[in-house]
Amino acid sequence: MLSKLKSQAGSALVMSMGILAVLTISATTLVAYSTSNARSGAYSKENELSFSLAEAGLNNAMAVLSNPSNDSLQQATLPMTEATASSASYEGGTAKWYGVLDRPNAKWTVTAIGLHSNPTGKGVAQVRRQLTAQVPIQPTYTQPLNNPVWNYLYSGHTGSTCDQSLNNNINGTSRMYVAGNLCLSPNVQLAQSTVIVGGNLDVANNAALGAGTSMSTRVETFVGGNCRYGVGSWDACTGNQDARHIYSKYLESGAYKVGVDHNPVPVEPPTADFPLWYEHAIPGPTQSCTTASGTTPTFDTNSVRDGSVLTVFDLTPSSSYICRVGPGASTTLTSAITAAQTSLTVASPTGFPTSQFKIRIDDEVMTVTGGYGTTSWTVTRGVSGTTAASHASSQTVLREDATPSGELSWNASTKTLTVKGTIYIDGSAKISNSAVNSYNGQATLYLTGTFRATGSVCGSVSGSSCAFSTWNPNTEMLTIVAEGDGGQVNPGNSIQVDNNFSYQGGLFATHAVEFGNNVNVDGPVVGSQIVLSNNLTTNDFPIIETVPVGMPSNDAVYAQPLPPELFAG
């Protein structure tokens, strides 16, 4: 019995030891499993936090691109690599962001990285999440006018006895602003709709401002200084000045009265930021054409704004050219169409979509609803608030729903310029085609050199001349901004329009603007002086409220990003 009891005691000990071992292993496994689950849960949480940080980085990148003072079509707006990425610290982690710009296609690929502490142990790399997105860039062609100078013929010189002299008659009814002193030579009859003189008004013998026949023939006149007639005395130019041949009127309580207003409306002298637009113009010195055919402009030769392009670029040569930056497509009509036709034939469908899209011909927008991929299209006429009209054979057909960042193109068959955005040539340009040349679009063309027009330039055409009664500068405006002096133009001039031609658009000259004999002007003109030959006719263009981007004295406005798309990560 004793022997049996001893044997059973030994077996119990072995069993106890086995049970204890099993319990120890189970407990250890349970602890390890619990610890693993805790670490896995913590890692999952940190992973989510890292993703949130990456999202924050993407939002920060979008904020930079959306800042109106940043040019979102410049690679320098965002760092290009992870090594140079911008970053922001948040509680427990870091957000980084950088981007690569595809300027020809106006699109960014933005990468954002979220980094958060790793709970799995010391010395372990941070938890990392990465997001990418594509950000299309929408070009900006126009902006609200913020300087009223662009509603006048503006002469900005001051400090001379005669800051602006008129030696010949000015016919027409546009508004005129002389910052300094205005002198009318003998026999000059000035009859603008409004004349504003910041300084003195000197009227020579047999000259006159307006006519005293009726209130309608009088000129609304503002003179800040004194006035005189002939060799008479100088007096403060206020009240009735008919004795000095200043047949004026002023508005009071909603009605016109005879007399001169002695308080001119102040207009800030405009300034052109040539260095800024040398860097940011598209196309221009930092971005030439991405779609090109024919002889396109040379925008620069040495990466310095110094007039390095010595050959004057002809905007209207005998052969066509296309210079476009960014998305877009163009072709031409193979035959004329009437305002009622709902089908048309084009020279080529290359670059146009294979599903519904919009096109523009002259000022009309159409929707292409059939014939995709072929040269015969079915169209819906006069969409997007435009009016159906007839169009000539060979006229340019532009894709309307894919807007390029900038464009300067010429159709030699129809004598039509297509202009979009702000353009810069580090040299001079000219109009050589003596016919009537039209343009479509809104743009500002900067020239380090000068501009000369030996031909007419029209935003709206009627027959063989500019359509002065129908042109709307708020929807069609080409402004030339020239800094140079002499060369292809007379010394002292930056811009010159030759005899018998018309210019319809905006002109800005650092030096003088000279008009030849029998010239028609429709639109604002700004220069140190306006030099006039015989029989200049100005036209009373509508009040301008919207101007092309790049207009001098308006805030710099750049392309803006659209919402991000094609997320990954």
Protein backbone atom coordinates (compact mmCIF):
# COMPACT_ATOMS: atom_id res chain seq x y z
CA MET A 1 0.00 0.00 0.00
CA LEU A 2 2.78 2.34 1.01
CA SER A 3 4.56 1.52 -2.20
CA LYS A 4 1.43 2.36 -4.25
CA LEU A 5 0.93 5.63 -2.45
CA LYS A 6 4.49 6.68 -3.18
CA SER A 7 3.96 5.85 -6.87
CA GLN A 8 0.74 7.95 -7.09
CA ALA A 9 2.43 10.91 -5.32
CA GLY A 10 5.13 10.90 -7.99
CA SER A 11 2.53 10.88 -10.75
CA ALA A 12 0.65 13.81 -9.17
CA LEU A 13 3.81 15.84 -9.04
CA VAL A 14 4.47 15.22 -12.69
CA MET A 15 0.90 16.13 -13.58
CA SER A 16 1.07 19.30 -11.50
CA MET A 17 4.27 20.31 -13.18
CA GLY A 18 2.70 19.65 -16.60
CA ILE A 19 -0.41 21.62 -15.80
CA LEU A 20 1.70 24.48 -14.49
CA ALA A 21 3.76 24.49 -17.67
CA VAL A 22 0.65 24.56 -19.82
CA LEU A 23 -0.83 27.40 -17.81
CA THR A 24 2.45 29.34 -18.07
CA ILE A 25 2.57 28.91 -21.83
CA SER A 26 -1.08 29.94 -22.14
CA ALA A 27 -0.53 32.99 -20.00
CA THR A 28 2.57 33.94 -21.94
CA THR A 29 0.76 33.47 -25.22
CA LEU A 30 -2.16 35.51 -23.97
CA VAL A 31 0.13 38.32 -22.87
CA ALA A 32 2.01 38.22 -26.16
CA TYR A 33 -1.22 38.18 -28.13
CA SER A 34 -2.65 41.05 -26.11
CA THR A 35 0.56 43.04 -26.54
CA SER A 36 0.56 42.34 -30.30
CA ASN A 37 -3.05 43.42 -30.59
CA ALA A 38 -2.31 46.58 -28.64
CA ARG A 39 0.65 47.36 -30.87
CA SER A 40 -1.34 46.56 -34.00
CA GLY A 41 -4.16 48.80 -32.83
CA ALA A 42 -1.72 51.58 -32.01
CA TYR A 43 -0.02 51.19 -35.42
CA SER A 44 -3.38 51.29 -37.16
CA LYS A 45 -4.20 54.49 -35.33
CA GLU A 46 -0.83 56.03 -36.26
CA ASN A 47 -1.38 54.94 -39.85
CA GLU A 48 -4.69 56.81 -39.92
CA LEU A 49 -3.03 59.84 -38.37
CA SER A 50 -0.30 59.69 -41.02
CA PHE A 51 -2.96 59.58 -43.74
CA SER A 52 -4.63 62.64 -42.19
CA LEU A 53 -1.26 64.40 -42.21
CA ALA A 54 -0.82 63.55 -45.88
CA GLU A 55 -4.26 65.03 -46.56
CA ALA A 56 -3.20 68.14 -44.67
CA GLY A 57 -0.09 68.34 -46.86
CA LEU A 58 -2.23 68.14 -49.99
CA ASN A 59 -4.49 70.89 -48.66
CA ASN A 60 -1.44 73.03 -47.94
CA ALA A 61 -0.18 72.55 -51.49
CA MET A 62 -3.58 73.58 -52.86
CA ALA A 63 -3.55 76.67 -50.64
CA VAL A 64 -0.19 77.69 -52.13
CA LEU A 65 -1.38 77.12 -55.70
CA SER A 66 -4.64 79.00 -55.01
CA ASN A 67 -2.96 82.07 -53.53
CA PRO A 68 -3.76 84.87 -56.04
CA SER A 69 -0.27 86.33 -55.62
CA ASN A 70 1.33 83.04 -56.73
CA ASP A 71 1.68 82.05 -60.36
CA SER A 72 0.46 78.45 -60.46
CA LEU A 73 2.04 77.99 -63.90
CA GLN A 74 5.55 78.47 -62.51
CA GLN A 75 7.45 75.43 -61.19
CA ALA A 76 8.99 77.65 -58.50
CA THR A 77 5.57 77.95 -56.85
CA LEU A 78 6.04 74.48 -55.28
CA PRO A 79 9.26 72.58 -54.47
CA MET A 80 9.94 69.85 -57.00
CA THR A 81 11.29 66.92 -54.93
CA GLU A 82 10.79 65.25 -51.56
CA ALA A 83 14.26 66.37 -50.55
CA THR A 84 13.23 70.02 -50.94
CA ALA A 85 9.58 69.57 -49.92
CA SER A 86 7.76 72.16 -47.86
CA SER A 87 6.62 70.93 -44.46
CA ALA A 88 4.45 71.78 -41.48
CA SER A 89 4.60 70.28 -37.99
CA TYR A 90 1.51 69.08 -36.21
CA GLU A 91 1.07 67.36 -32.84
CA GLY A 92 2.95 64.09 -33.09
CA GLY A 93 3.79 64.32 -36.78
CA THR A 94 4.78 66.18 -39.93
CA ALA A 95 3.08 66.95 -43.26
CA LYS A 96 5.22 67.45 -46.40
CA TRP A 97 4.29 68.44 -49.94
CA TYR A 98 5.89 69.03 -53.32
CA GLY A 99 4.81 69.02 -56.96
CA VAL A 100 5.94 68.64 -60.55
CA LEU A 101 4.44 71.01 -63.14
CA ASP A 102 3.57 69.82 -66.62
CA ARG A 103 3.44 73.32 -68.08
CA PRO A 104 2.64 72.31 -71.67
CA ASN A 105 -0.51 70.58 -70.42
CA ALA A 106 -1.20 73.03 -67.56
CA LYS A 107 -1.29 70.32 -64.89
CA TRP A 108 0.48 69.60 -61.60
CA THR A 109 1.23 66.22 -60.07
CA VAL A 110 1.21 67.00 -56.35
CA THR A 111 2.66 64.59 -53.76
CA ALA A 112 1.86 64.90 -50.05
CA ILE A 113 3.46 62.82 -47.28
CA GLY A 114 2.26 62.28 -43.70
CA LEU A 115 4.79 61.15 -41.05
CA HIS A 116 3.77 60.11 -37.53
CA SER A 117 5.58 58.42 -34.62
CA ASN A 118 5.79 54.62 -34.81
CA PRO A 119 4.46 52.76 -31.71
CA THR A 120 6.29 49.50 -32.44
CA GLY A 121 9.51 50.45 -30.70
CA LYS A 122 12.39 52.88 -30.35
CA GLY A 123 14.53 53.60 -33.39
CA VAL A 124 11.83 52.44 -35.79
CA ALA A 125 11.03 54.64 -38.80
CA GLN A 126 7.99 56.89 -38.56
CA VAL A 127 4.67 55.67 -39.93
CA ARG A 128 4.48 57.09 -43.48
CA ARG A 129 1.53 57.63 -45.80
CA GLN A 130 1.76 59.20 -49.25
CA LEU A 131 -0.94 60.78 -51.42
CA THR A 132 -0.72 61.98 -55.01
CA ALA A 133 -3.22 63.98 -57.06
CA GLN A 134 -3.32 65.80 -60.35
CA VAL A 135 -4.29 69.47 -60.30
CA PRO A 136 -5.40 71.07 -63.62
CA ILE A 137 -4.66 74.79 -63.99
CA GLN A 138 -7.27 77.12 -65.46
CA PRO A 139 -5.81 80.16 -67.26
CA THR A 140 -7.11 83.62 -66.45
CA TYR A 141 -7.52 85.92 -69.46
CA THR A 142 -9.35 88.90 -67.97
CA GLN A 143 -9.76 90.87 -64.76
CA PRO A 144 -11.90 93.77 -63.52
CA LEU A 145 -10.54 97.22 -64.37
CA ASN A 146 -9.05 98.92 -61.31
CA ASN A 147 -7.60 102.07 -62.91
CA PRO A 148 -9.94 104.42 -64.84
CA VAL A 149 -7.03 105.59 -67.00
CA TRP A 150 -8.04 102.92 -69.49
CA ASN A 151 -11.14 104.88 -70.42
CA TYR A 152 -9.20 107.84 -71.85
CA LEU A 153 -6.71 109.10 -74.36
CA TYR A 154 -4.18 109.79 -71.60
CA SER A 155 -1.13 112.06 -71.86
CA GLY A 156 0.97 111.64 -68.72
CA HIS A 157 3.80 114.15 -69.12
CA THR A 158 4.05 116.98 -66.57
CA GLY A 159 6.50 119.78 -65.77
CA SER A 160 6.61 121.64 -69.13
CA THR A 161 4.87 124.79 -70.34
CA CYS A 162 3.01 122.61 -72.82
CA ASP A 163 3.02 119.01 -71.63
CA GLN A 164 0.62 118.09 -74.42
CA SER A 165 0.33 120.20 -77.58
CA LEU A 166 -2.39 119.71 -80.15
CA ASN A 167 -1.24 121.13 -83.46
CA ASN A 168 -4.03 119.62 -85.54
CA ASN A 169 -7.70 118.95 -85.16
CA ILE A 170 -8.92 115.89 -83.30
CA ASN A 171 -12.26 114.73 -84.61
CA GLY A 172 -14.47 112.34 -82.72
CA THR A 173 -15.84 111.91 -79.26
CA SER A 174 -13.52 109.85 -77.07
CA ARG A 175 -12.56 110.99 -73.58
CA MET A 176 -9.21 112.81 -73.16
CA TYR A 177 -7.07 113.24 -70.02
CA VAL A 178 -3.97 115.48 -69.86
CA ALA A 179 -2.11 115.14 -66.57
CA GLY A 180 -0.15 118.36 -67.07
CA ASN A 181 -0.68 121.48 -69.22
CA LEU A 182 -2.63 121.35 -72.50
CA CYS A 183 -1.90 123.79 -75.35
CA LEU A 184 -4.16 124.15 -78.39
CA SER A 185 -2.35 125.59 -81.42
CA PRO A 186 -3.99 128.18 -83.74
CA ASN A 187 -7.10 126.96 -85.55
CA VAL A 188 -7.35 123.69 -83.62
CA GLN A 189 -10.94 122.72 -82.84
CA LEU A 190 -11.08 120.15 -80.02
CA ALA A 191 -14.46 118.48 -79.61
CA GLN A 192 -14.09 115.37 -77.45
CA SER A 193 -16.92 114.15 -75.24
CA THR A 194 -14.86 114.87 -72.11
CA VAL A 195 -11.58 116.77 -71.62
CA ILE A 196 -9.78 116.68 -68.27
CA VAL A 197 -6.69 118.86 -67.74
CA GLY A 198 -4.73 118.54 -64.51
CA GLY A 199 -2.73 121.73 -65.13
CA ASN A 200 -3.34 124.79 -67.32
CA LEU A 201 -5.30 125.12 -70.57
CA ASP A 202 -3.77 127.48 -73.16
CA VAL A 203 -5.99 128.24 -76.18
CA ALA A 204 -4.22 129.98 -79.09
CA ASN A 205 -5.87 132.44 -81.48
CA ASN A 206 -8.74 131.00 -83.49
CA ALA A 207 -8.58 127.72 -81.57
CA ALA A 208 -11.46 126.45 -79.45
CA LEU A 209 -12.58 123.71 -77.17
CA GLY A 210 -16.09 122.67 -78.17
CA ALA A 211 -18.64 125.01 -79.71
CA GLY A 212 -21.17 127.32 -78.10
CA THR A 213 -23.99 126.46 -80.49
CA SER A 214 -25.92 124.35 -77.99
CA MET A 215 -25.41 122.28 -74.89
CA SER A 216 -24.85 119.22 -77.09
CA THR A 217 -21.90 120.86 -78.88
CA ARG A 218 -20.22 121.90 -75.64
CA VAL A 219 -17.54 119.68 -74.11
CA GLU A 220 -17.65 118.45 -70.54
CA THR A 221 -14.47 120.10 -69.25
CA PHE A 222 -12.37 119.90 -66.09
CA VAL A 223 -9.33 122.17 -65.59
CA GLY A 224 -7.34 122.13 -62.37
CA GLY A 225 -5.18 125.18 -63.11
CA ASN A 226 -5.55 128.43 -65.05
CA CYS A 227 -6.65 129.13 -68.61
CA ARG A 228 -6.21 131.84 -71.21
CA TYR A 229 -7.03 132.66 -74.84
CA GLY A 230 -4.50 134.09 -77.30
CA VAL A 231 -2.16 136.43 -75.46
CA GLY A 232 -4.76 137.34 -72.86
CA SER A 233 -4.47 137.03 -69.12
CA TRP A 234 -4.34 133.85 -67.09
CA ASP A 235 -7.14 133.25 -64.63
CA ALA A 236 -8.42 130.34 -62.60
CA CYS A 237 -10.29 128.14 -65.04
CA THR A 238 -13.71 127.97 -63.45
CA GLY A 239 -17.22 129.05 -64.38
CA ASN A 240 -18.18 130.36 -67.81
CA GLN A 241 -15.09 130.53 -70.05
CA ASP A 242 -16.78 131.22 -73.38
CA ALA A 243 -14.74 134.43 -73.70
CA ARG A 244 -11.63 132.25 -73.84
CA HIS A 245 -13.16 129.99 -76.51
CA ILE A 246 -13.63 127.22 -73.96
CA TYR A 247 -17.21 126.22 -74.70
CA SER A 248 -17.67 123.88 -71.81
CA LYS A 249 -20.30 122.32 -69.62
CA TYR A 250 -20.35 120.53 -66.30
CA LEU A 251 -22.81 118.23 -64.61
CA GLU A 252 -24.61 119.40 -61.50
CA SER A 253 -27.59 117.74 -59.82
CA GLY A 254 -28.19 115.55 -62.84
CA ALA A 255 -28.25 118.41 -65.37
CA TYR A 256 -25.58 120.10 -67.48
CA LYS A 257 -24.72 123.76 -66.93
CA VAL A 258 -22.43 126.12 -68.84
CA GLY A 259 -18.98 126.37 -67.31
CA VAL A 260 -15.74 124.60 -66.42
CA ASP A 261 -15.41 122.27 -63.44
CA HIS A 262 -12.32 123.39 -61.50
CA ASN A 263 -11.92 120.01 -59.75
CA PRO A 264 -10.58 117.40 -62.20
CA VAL A 265 -11.27 113.79 -61.39
CA PRO A 266 -7.91 112.38 -60.25
CA VAL A 267 -6.52 109.52 -62.33
CA GLU A 268 -3.39 107.72 -61.20
CA PRO A 269 -0.66 107.63 -63.86
CA PRO A 270 -0.35 104.07 -65.13
CA THR A 271 2.80 102.01 -64.79
CA ALA A 272 3.82 98.89 -66.68
CA ASP A 273 5.75 96.17 -64.85
CA PHE A 274 7.97 94.93 -67.67
CA PRO A 275 10.28 92.80 -65.44
CA LEU A 276 7.30 91.00 -63.89
CA TRP A 277 5.71 90.02 -67.18
CA TYR A 278 9.08 89.13 -68.72
CA GLU A 279 9.11 86.32 -66.12
CA HIS A 280 5.42 85.36 -66.14
CA ALA A 281 4.12 85.89 -69.69
CA ILE A 282 2.87 82.81 -71.55
CA PRO A 283 4.05 82.56 -74.24
CA GLY A 284 7.16 84.56 -73.50
CA PRO A 285 10.85 84.36 -72.58
CA THR A 286 10.33 81.67 -69.91
CA GLN A 287 7.84 79.59 -71.91
CA SER A 288 7.84 79.39 -75.68
CA CYS A 289 5.20 77.69 -77.83
CA THR A 290 4.33 74.08 -77.00
CA THR A 291 2.21 73.79 -80.14
CA ALA A 292 3.81 75.55 -83.08
CA SER A 293 3.61 75.79 -86.84
CA GLY A 294 4.86 78.33 -89.35
CA THR A 295 7.25 81.11 -88.33
CA THR A 296 6.50 81.79 -84.66
CA PRO A 297 8.00 84.60 -82.56
CA THR A 298 11.42 84.47 -80.97
CA PHE A 299 10.61 85.65 -77.47
CA ASP A 300 14.14 86.00 -76.10
CA THR A 301 17.72 84.96 -76.86
CA ASN A 302 19.71 85.32 -73.64
CA SER A 303 17.44 85.15 -70.55
CA VAL A 304 18.00 88.86 -69.88
CA ARG A 305 15.41 91.58 -70.49
CA ASP A 306 17.55 93.74 -72.79
CA GLY A 307 15.88 93.80 -76.21
CA SER A 308 17.91 90.81 -77.35
CA VAL A 309 15.51 89.94 -80.20
CA LEU A 310 16.87 92.20 -82.93
CA THR A 311 14.54 91.19 -85.76
CA VAL A 312 11.16 92.95 -85.61
CA PHE A 313 8.46 90.27 -85.42
CA ASP A 314 5.73 90.62 -88.01
CA LEU A 315 2.38 89.80 -86.39
CA THR A 316 0.66 89.64 -89.80
CA PRO A 317 2.99 88.02 -92.35
CA SER A 318 1.99 86.49 -95.67
CA SER A 319 1.84 82.96 -94.23
CA SER A 320 -0.02 81.57 -91.21
CA TYR A 321 1.53 80.54 -87.91
CA ILE A 322 0.34 79.01 -84.63
CA CYS A 323 1.97 79.57 -81.24
CA ARG A 324 0.06 78.01 -78.36
CA VAL A 325 1.01 77.01 -74.82
CA GLY A 326 -1.07 74.39 -73.05
CA PRO A 327 -4.10 72.37 -74.13
CA GLY A 328 -6.18 73.28 -77.11
CA ALA A 329 -6.65 72.52 -80.79
CA SER A 330 -7.34 74.43 -83.98
CA THR A 331 -8.17 73.82 -87.61
CA THR A 332 -9.83 75.83 -90.40
CA LEU A 333 -13.11 75.82 -92.32
CA THR A 334 -12.79 74.32 -95.78
CA SER A 335 -15.77 76.35 -97.01
CA ALA A 336 -17.85 79.29 -95.87
CA ILE A 337 -20.97 78.71 -93.76
CA THR A 338 -24.13 80.77 -93.30
CA ALA A 339 -25.70 81.68 -89.98
CA ALA A 340 -28.32 78.96 -90.45
CA GLN A 341 -26.16 75.95 -91.35
CA THR A 342 -25.96 73.12 -88.82
CA SER A 343 -23.06 71.28 -90.43
CA LEU A 344 -19.57 72.31 -91.42
CA THR A 345 -16.38 70.84 -92.86
CA VAL A 346 -12.93 71.38 -91.40
CA ALA A 347 -9.44 70.76 -92.70
CA SER A 348 -8.46 68.32 -89.93
CA PRO A 349 -9.95 66.80 -86.75
CA THR A 350 -6.52 66.32 -85.14
CA GLY A 351 -6.48 67.31 -81.48
CA PHE A 352 -10.28 67.47 -81.14
CA PRO A 353 -12.21 65.03 -78.89
CA THR A 354 -14.10 61.96 -80.05
CA SER A 355 -17.16 62.93 -78.02
CA GLN A 356 -19.22 66.12 -77.73
CA PHE A 357 -17.19 69.34 -77.48
CA LYS A 358 -17.40 73.08 -78.18
CA ILE A 359 -15.69 75.19 -80.81
CA ARG A 360 -15.35 78.92 -81.49
CA ILE A 361 -15.30 80.57 -84.91
CA ASP A 362 -14.85 84.35 -84.79
CA ASP A 363 -17.18 85.40 -81.94
CA GLU A 364 -19.59 82.46 -82.20
CA VAL A 365 -19.46 79.35 -80.01
CA MET A 366 -20.93 76.09 -81.31
CA THR A 367 -21.41 72.61 -79.86
CA VAL A 368 -20.22 69.74 -82.06
CA THR A 369 -22.79 66.97 -81.65
CA GLY A 370 -21.74 64.57 -84.41
CA GLY A 371 -18.99 63.60 -86.84
CA TYR A 372 -16.34 63.15 -84.17
CA GLY A 373 -12.99 62.09 -85.56
CA THR A 374 -13.98 63.11 -89.11
CA THR A 375 -13.78 66.37 -91.03
CA SER A 376 -17.58 66.77 -91.28
CA TRP A 377 -19.22 67.97 -88.08
CA THR A 378 -22.82 68.47 -87.01
CA VAL A 379 -23.15 71.55 -84.84
CA THR A 380 -25.57 73.44 -82.63
CA ARG A 381 -25.20 77.13 -83.41
CA GLY A 382 -24.87 80.20 -81.19
CA VAL A 383 -24.40 78.54 -77.79
CA SER A 384 -22.92 80.03 -74.58
CA GLY A 385 -24.74 83.31 -75.13
CA THR A 386 -23.24 83.94 -78.58
CA THR A 387 -25.06 84.67 -81.83
CA ALA A 388 -25.01 82.57 -84.98
CA ALA A 389 -23.28 84.37 -87.84
CA SER A 390 -21.78 83.65 -91.24
CA HIS A 391 -18.11 82.66 -91.39
CA ALA A 392 -15.63 82.81 -94.25
CA SER A 393 -13.81 79.89 -95.80
CA SER A 394 -10.40 79.19 -94.18
CA GLN A 395 -11.42 80.91 -90.94
CA THR A 396 -9.80 79.50 -87.80
CA VAL A 397 -11.79 76.95 -85.76
CA LEU A 398 -10.70 76.79 -82.12
CA ARG A 399 -11.57 74.22 -79.49
CA GLU A 400 -13.51 76.26 -76.94
CA ASP A 401 -13.64 73.87 -73.99
CA ALA A 402 -9.87 73.32 -73.71
CA THR A 403 -8.33 76.67 -72.99
CA PRO A 404 -4.61 77.20 -73.63
CA SER A 405 -2.47 79.08 -71.13
CA GLY A 406 -1.65 81.58 -73.84
CA GLU A 407 -1.76 81.97 -77.60
CA LEU A 408 -0.57 84.17 -80.46
CA SER A 409 -1.63 82.75 -83.84
CA TRP A 410 -2.23 84.22 -87.30
CA ASN A 411 -4.52 83.06 -90.10
CA ALA A 412 -3.12 84.63 -93.26
CA SER A 413 -6.12 83.58 -95.38
CA THR A 414 -8.70 85.41 -93.29
CA LYS A 415 -6.23 87.96 -91.82
CA THR A 416 -7.20 87.09 -88.25
CA LEU A 417 -5.05 87.07 -85.13
CA THR A 418 -5.99 84.80 -82.23
CA VAL A 419 -4.72 86.21 -78.93
CA LYS A 420 -5.04 84.89 -75.37
CA GLY A 421 -3.32 85.83 -72.12
CA THR A 422 -0.20 87.90 -71.55
CA ILE A 423 2.56 87.66 -74.18
CA TYR A 424 6.11 89.08 -74.06
CA ILE A 425 8.66 89.61 -76.83
CA ASP A 426 12.07 90.93 -75.80
CA GLY A 427 12.16 93.07 -78.91
CA SER A 428 9.80 94.87 -81.30
CA ALA A 429 6.72 93.92 -83.32
CA LYS A 430 4.81 95.31 -86.27
CA ILE A 431 1.68 95.05 -88.38
CA SER A 432 2.84 94.87 -91.99
CA ASN A 433 -0.30 93.75 -93.79
CA SER A 434 -1.89 96.92 -95.13
CA ALA A 435 -5.31 95.26 -95.30
CA VAL A 436 -7.84 95.21 -92.46
CA ASN A 437 -6.53 92.76 -89.87
CA SER A 438 -8.89 91.50 -87.19
CA TYR A 439 -8.24 89.77 -83.90
CA ASN A 440 -10.20 87.43 -81.65
CA GLY A 441 -9.62 87.21 -77.91
CA GLN A 442 -8.26 89.28 -75.07
CA ALA A 443 -4.54 89.70 -74.53
CA THR A 444 -1.75 92.06 -73.55
CA LEU A 445 1.39 92.03 -75.71
CA TYR A 446 4.51 93.38 -73.97
CA LEU A 447 7.45 94.61 -76.06
CA THR A 448 10.84 95.63 -74.71
CA GLY A 449 11.13 97.45 -78.04
CA THR A 450 8.58 99.33 -80.13
CA PHE A 451 5.41 98.77 -82.15
CA ARG A 452 4.50 100.06 -85.60
CA ALA A 453 1.25 99.52 -87.49
CA THR A 454 1.35 99.78 -91.27
CA GLY A 455 -2.11 98.33 -91.53
CA SER A 456 -5.37 98.40 -89.62
CA VAL A 457 -6.02 96.34 -86.50
CA CYS A 458 -9.67 95.74 -85.58
CA GLY A 459 -11.47 93.96 -82.78
CA SER A 460 -14.64 94.10 -84.87
CA VAL A 461 -14.80 94.35 -88.67
CA SER A 462 -17.48 95.62 -91.00
CA GLY A 463 -16.66 95.21 -94.68
CA SER A 464 -13.28 96.81 -95.30
CA SER A 465 -12.96 98.79 -92.07
CA CYS A 466 -13.19 98.53 -88.30
CA ALA A 467 -16.74 98.40 -86.96
CA PHE A 468 -16.55 101.39 -84.62
CA SER A 469 -20.17 101.23 -83.49
CA THR A 470 -20.23 97.55 -82.55
CA TRP A 471 -16.82 96.87 -81.00
CA ASN A 472 -17.03 95.87 -77.33
CA PRO A 473 -13.64 96.26 -75.60
CA ASN A 474 -14.93 94.28 -72.62
CA THR A 475 -15.02 91.11 -74.73
CA GLU A 476 -12.41 91.74 -77.46
CA MET A 477 -9.26 93.66 -76.54
CA LEU A 478 -5.65 93.54 -77.71
CA THR A 479 -3.42 95.93 -75.79
CA ILE A 480 0.10 96.72 -77.00
CA VAL A 481 2.54 97.75 -74.24
CA ALA A 482 5.84 99.09 -75.65
CA GLU A 483 8.88 100.32 -73.74
CA GLY A 484 11.36 101.16 -76.51
CA ASP A 485 12.23 104.37 -78.35
CA GLY A 486 13.05 104.89 -82.04
CA GLY A 487 14.33 102.26 -84.42
CA GLN A 488 11.39 101.27 -86.61
CA VAL A 489 9.46 104.30 -85.28
CA ASN A 490 10.39 107.98 -85.09
CA PRO A 491 12.79 108.98 -82.29
CA GLY A 492 10.93 109.69 -79.07
CA ASN A 493 8.11 107.27 -79.93
CA SER A 494 7.35 103.84 -78.55
CA ILE A 495 4.29 103.30 -80.78
CA GLN A 496 3.46 104.60 -84.24
CA VAL A 497 0.36 104.12 -86.38
CA ASP A 498 0.96 105.13 -90.01
CA ASN A 499 -1.18 107.26 -92.31
CA ASN A 500 -4.70 106.14 -93.23
CA PHE A 501 -4.93 103.15 -90.88
CA SER A 502 -7.07 102.31 -87.87
CA TYR A 503 -6.30 100.82 -84.49
CA GLN A 504 -9.03 99.31 -82.33
CA GLY A 505 -7.74 98.21 -78.94
CA GLY A 506 -5.46 99.51 -76.20
CA LEU A 507 -2.07 101.23 -76.57
CA PHE A 508 0.47 101.91 -73.82
CA ALA A 509 3.78 103.64 -74.55
CA THR A 510 6.55 104.46 -72.11
CA HIS A 511 7.42 107.28 -74.51
CA ALA A 512 5.13 108.92 -77.09
CA VAL A 513 2.37 107.49 -79.26
CA GLU A 514 2.32 109.00 -82.75
CA PHE A 515 -0.59 108.87 -85.17
CA GLY A 516 -0.20 109.68 -88.86
CA ASN A 517 -2.61 111.52 -91.14
CA ASN A 518 -6.22 110.37 -91.35
CA VAL A 519 -5.88 107.77 -88.61
CA ASN A 520 -8.90 106.32 -86.79
CA VAL A 521 -8.46 105.35 -83.14
CA ASP A 522 -10.98 103.35 -81.15
CA GLY A 523 -9.92 102.52 -77.62
CA PRO A 524 -7.73 103.81 -74.79
CA VAL A 525 -4.32 105.30 -75.50
CA VAL A 526 -1.71 105.96 -72.81
CA GLY A 527 1.64 107.64 -73.47
CA SER A 528 3.98 110.32 -72.21
CA GLN A 529 2.60 112.35 -75.12
CA ILE A 530 0.22 111.80 -78.01
CA VAL A 531 1.70 113.09 -81.28
CA LEU A 532 -0.93 113.94 -83.86
CA SER A 533 -0.82 114.55 -87.56
CA ASN A 534 -3.76 115.84 -89.59
CA ASN A 535 -7.32 114.64 -89.09
CA LEU A 536 -7.07 112.16 -86.27
CA THR A 537 -10.50 110.68 -85.57
CA THR A 538 -11.22 109.18 -82.17
CA ASN A 539 -14.25 107.07 -81.44
CA ASP A 540 -16.30 107.06 -78.26
CA PHE A 541 -15.73 103.48 -77.13
CA PRO A 542 -17.90 101.97 -74.36
CA ILE A 543 -16.86 102.33 -70.73
CA ILE A 544 -14.32 99.61 -70.03
CA GLU A 545 -14.96 97.46 -66.98
CA THR A 546 -13.06 94.28 -67.89
CA VAL A 547 -9.51 94.24 -69.22
CA PRO A 548 -7.02 91.58 -70.35
CA VAL A 549 -4.68 90.24 -67.70
CA GLY A 550 -1.40 92.14 -67.77
CA MET A 551 -2.87 95.59 -68.44
CA PRO A 552 -0.56 98.18 -66.84
CA SER A 553 -1.65 99.50 -63.42
CA ASN A 554 -3.90 96.52 -62.80
CA ASP A 555 -3.03 93.93 -60.17
CA ALA A 556 -1.06 90.94 -61.42
CA VAL A 557 -3.50 88.06 -61.88
CA TYR A 558 -2.35 84.55 -62.69
CA ALA A 559 -3.85 81.19 -63.64
CA GLN A 560 -5.71 79.39 -60.87
CA PRO A 561 -5.97 75.68 -59.97
CA LEU A 562 -9.09 73.59 -60.41
CA PRO A 563 -10.05 70.96 -57.77
CA PRO A 564 -7.56 68.08 -57.53
CA GLU A 565 -8.38 64.79 -59.25
CA LEU A 566 -7.04 61.27 -59.87
CA PHE A 567 -6.06 60.66 -56.23
CA ALA A 568 -3.75 57.76 -55.41
CA GLY A 569 -2.10 56.49 -52.24
